[in-house]
N, C-alpha and C. Protein backbone atom coordinates (compact mmCIF):
# COMPACT_ATOMS: atom_id res chain seq x y z
N UNK A 1 11.04 -6.76 -10.42
CA UNK A 1 11.68 -7.06 -9.53
C UNK A 1 11.44 -6.56 -8.35
N UNK A 2 11.41 -6.99 -7.25
CA UNK A 2 10.81 -6.58 -6.44
C UNK A 2 11.42 -5.21 -5.71
N UNK A 3 11.51 -4.81 -5.16
CA UNK A 3 12.03 -3.06 -4.32
C UNK A 3 11.85 -3.41 -2.47
N UNK A 4 13.18 -3.76 -1.84
CA UNK A 4 12.47 -3.61 -0.20
C UNK A 4 12.71 -2.02 -0.07
N UNK A 5 12.03 -1.58 0.69
CA UNK A 5 12.28 -0.32 1.11
C UNK A 5 11.87 -0.08 2.64
N UNK A 6 12.14 0.97 3.24
CA UNK A 6 11.94 0.87 4.83
C UNK A 6 11.04 2.14 4.68
N UNK A 7 9.86 3.01 5.58
CA UNK A 7 9.10 3.30 5.31
C UNK A 7 8.71 3.79 7.43
N UNK A 8 8.76 4.54 7.44
CA UNK A 8 8.17 5.18 8.62
C UNK A 8 6.74 5.65 8.72
N UNK A 9 5.87 5.53 9.25
CA UNK A 9 4.84 5.44 9.38
C UNK A 9 3.66 5.46 11.04
N UNK A 10 3.12 6.37 11.25
CA UNK A 10 2.65 6.64 12.81
C UNK A 10 2.36 4.82 13.24
N UNK A 11 2.41 4.53 14.38
CA UNK A 11 2.22 3.31 15.09
C UNK A 11 0.55 2.99 14.81
N UNK A 12 -0.24 3.44 15.12
CA UNK A 12 -1.32 3.48 15.61
C UNK A 12 -1.75 2.98 13.79
N UNK A 13 -1.58 3.77 13.25
CA UNK A 13 -2.03 3.87 11.18
C UNK A 13 -1.61 2.30 11.09
N UNK A 14 -0.23 2.05 11.00
CA UNK A 14 0.22 0.42 10.70
C UNK A 14 -0.72 -0.61 11.91
N UNK A 15 -0.54 -0.31 12.58
CA UNK A 15 -1.38 -1.69 13.34
C UNK A 15 -2.57 -1.57 12.91
N UNK A 16 -3.48 -0.42 12.69
CA UNK A 16 -4.68 -0.77 12.55
C UNK A 16 -4.93 -1.19 10.94
N UNK A 17 -3.79 -1.26 9.87
CA UNK A 17 -3.37 -0.87 8.30
C UNK A 17 -3.87 -2.29 8.62
N UNK A 18 -2.29 -3.12 9.36
CA UNK A 18 -2.05 -4.38 9.19
C UNK A 18 -3.44 -5.12 9.76
N UNK A 19 -4.05 -5.31 10.61
CA UNK A 19 -5.21 -5.90 11.27
C UNK A 19 -6.02 -6.02 9.86
N UNK A 20 -6.12 -4.86 9.54
CA UNK A 20 -7.15 -4.78 8.11
C UNK A 20 -6.50 -5.64 7.02
N UNK A 21 -5.53 -5.85 6.96
CA UNK A 21 -5.23 -6.34 5.53
C UNK A 21 -5.04 -7.97 6.49
N UNK A 22 -5.05 -8.39 7.88
CA UNK A 22 -4.85 -9.84 8.40
C UNK A 22 -6.46 -9.82 8.28
N UNK A 23 -7.08 -9.21 8.30
CA UNK A 23 -8.78 -9.10 8.94
C UNK A 23 -9.04 -9.87 6.98
N UNK A 24 -8.44 -9.03 6.17
CA UNK A 24 -8.78 -9.39 5.01
C UNK A 24 -8.40 -10.39 4.03
N UNK A 25 -6.89 -11.18 4.64
CA UNK A 25 -6.38 -12.07 3.64
C UNK A 25 -5.51 -11.02 2.49
N UNK A 26 -5.62 -9.90 3.01
CA UNK A 26 -4.30 -8.97 1.74
C UNK A 26 -2.48 -9.19 2.28
N UNK A 27 -2.15 -9.29 1.29
CA UNK A 27 -0.85 -8.66 1.84
C UNK A 27 -0.44 -7.21 2.14
N UNK A 28 0.21 -7.15 2.93
CA UNK A 28 -0.02 -5.50 3.21
C UNK A 28 1.19 -4.55 2.02
N UNK A 29 2.06 -5.17 1.86
CA UNK A 29 3.31 -4.93 0.67
C UNK A 29 2.20 -4.59 -0.84
N UNK A 30 1.62 -6.05 -0.80
CA UNK A 30 0.84 -5.79 -2.35
C UNK A 30 -0.19 -4.58 -2.12
N UNK A 31 -1.12 -4.43 -0.93
CA UNK A 31 -1.78 -3.27 -1.05
C UNK A 31 -1.36 -2.07 -1.08
N UNK A 32 -0.12 -1.50 -0.42
CA UNK A 32 0.30 -0.75 -0.89
C UNK A 32 0.17 -0.15 -2.30
N UNK A 33 1.19 -0.96 -2.64
CA UNK A 33 1.53 -1.66 -4.12
C UNK A 33 0.61 -0.85 -4.97
N UNK A 34 -0.82 -1.50 -4.33
CA UNK A 34 -2.17 -0.88 -5.49
C UNK A 34 -2.25 0.38 -5.36
N UNK A 35 -2.44 0.76 -4.21
CA UNK A 35 -2.75 2.44 -3.67
C UNK A 35 -1.65 2.96 -4.51
N UNK A 36 -0.13 2.58 -4.23
CA UNK A 36 0.58 3.77 -4.80
C UNK A 36 0.25 3.89 -6.90
N UNK A 37 -0.26 2.81 -7.48
CA UNK A 37 -0.53 2.40 -8.65
C UNK A 37 -1.86 3.38 -8.82
N UNK A 38 -2.51 3.03 -8.17
CA UNK A 38 -4.18 3.84 -8.27
C UNK A 38 -3.88 5.17 -7.84
N UNK A 39 -3.23 5.81 -7.14
CA UNK A 39 -2.77 7.48 -7.45
C UNK A 39 -1.87 7.85 -7.94
N UNK A 40 -1.06 7.04 -9.38
CA UNK A 40 -0.21 7.46 -10.46
C UNK A 40 -1.34 7.05 -11.20
N UNK A 41 -2.06 6.26 -11.85
CA UNK A 41 -2.69 6.52 -12.20
C UNK A 41 -3.92 7.75 -12.81
N UNK A 42 -4.51 7.60 -11.43
CA UNK A 42 -5.03 8.95 -11.05
C UNK A 42 -4.67 10.27 -11.50
N UNK A 43 -3.27 10.57 -11.18
CA UNK A 43 -2.69 11.55 -11.61
C UNK A 43 -2.26 12.09 -12.90
N UNK A 44 -1.80 10.85 -13.16
CA UNK A 44 -1.68 10.70 -15.14
C UNK A 44 -2.94 10.79 -15.85
N UNK A 45 -4.14 10.68 -14.93
CA UNK A 45 -5.40 10.57 -16.30
C UNK A 45 -5.62 9.20 -16.87
N UNK A 46 -5.53 7.98 -16.05
CA UNK A 46 -5.21 7.07 -16.50
C UNK A 46 -3.78 6.52 -17.45
N UNK A 47 -3.25 7.43 -17.61
CA UNK A 47 -2.31 6.71 -18.45
C UNK A 47 -1.14 6.14 -18.11
N UNK A 48 -0.69 5.04 -18.45
CA UNK A 48 0.79 4.21 -17.46
C UNK A 48 1.86 4.50 -17.81
């Protein structure tokens, strides 16, 4: 199940990341989710 969240992000960071996602045909929310999972995996030594 998906969770809707509200985030506060620096405007220029958001604009640049949004453009990156648009240019690469990536859903912004999915990319953030993948980054979050990667960080958690690294922190847990690869454990899920």
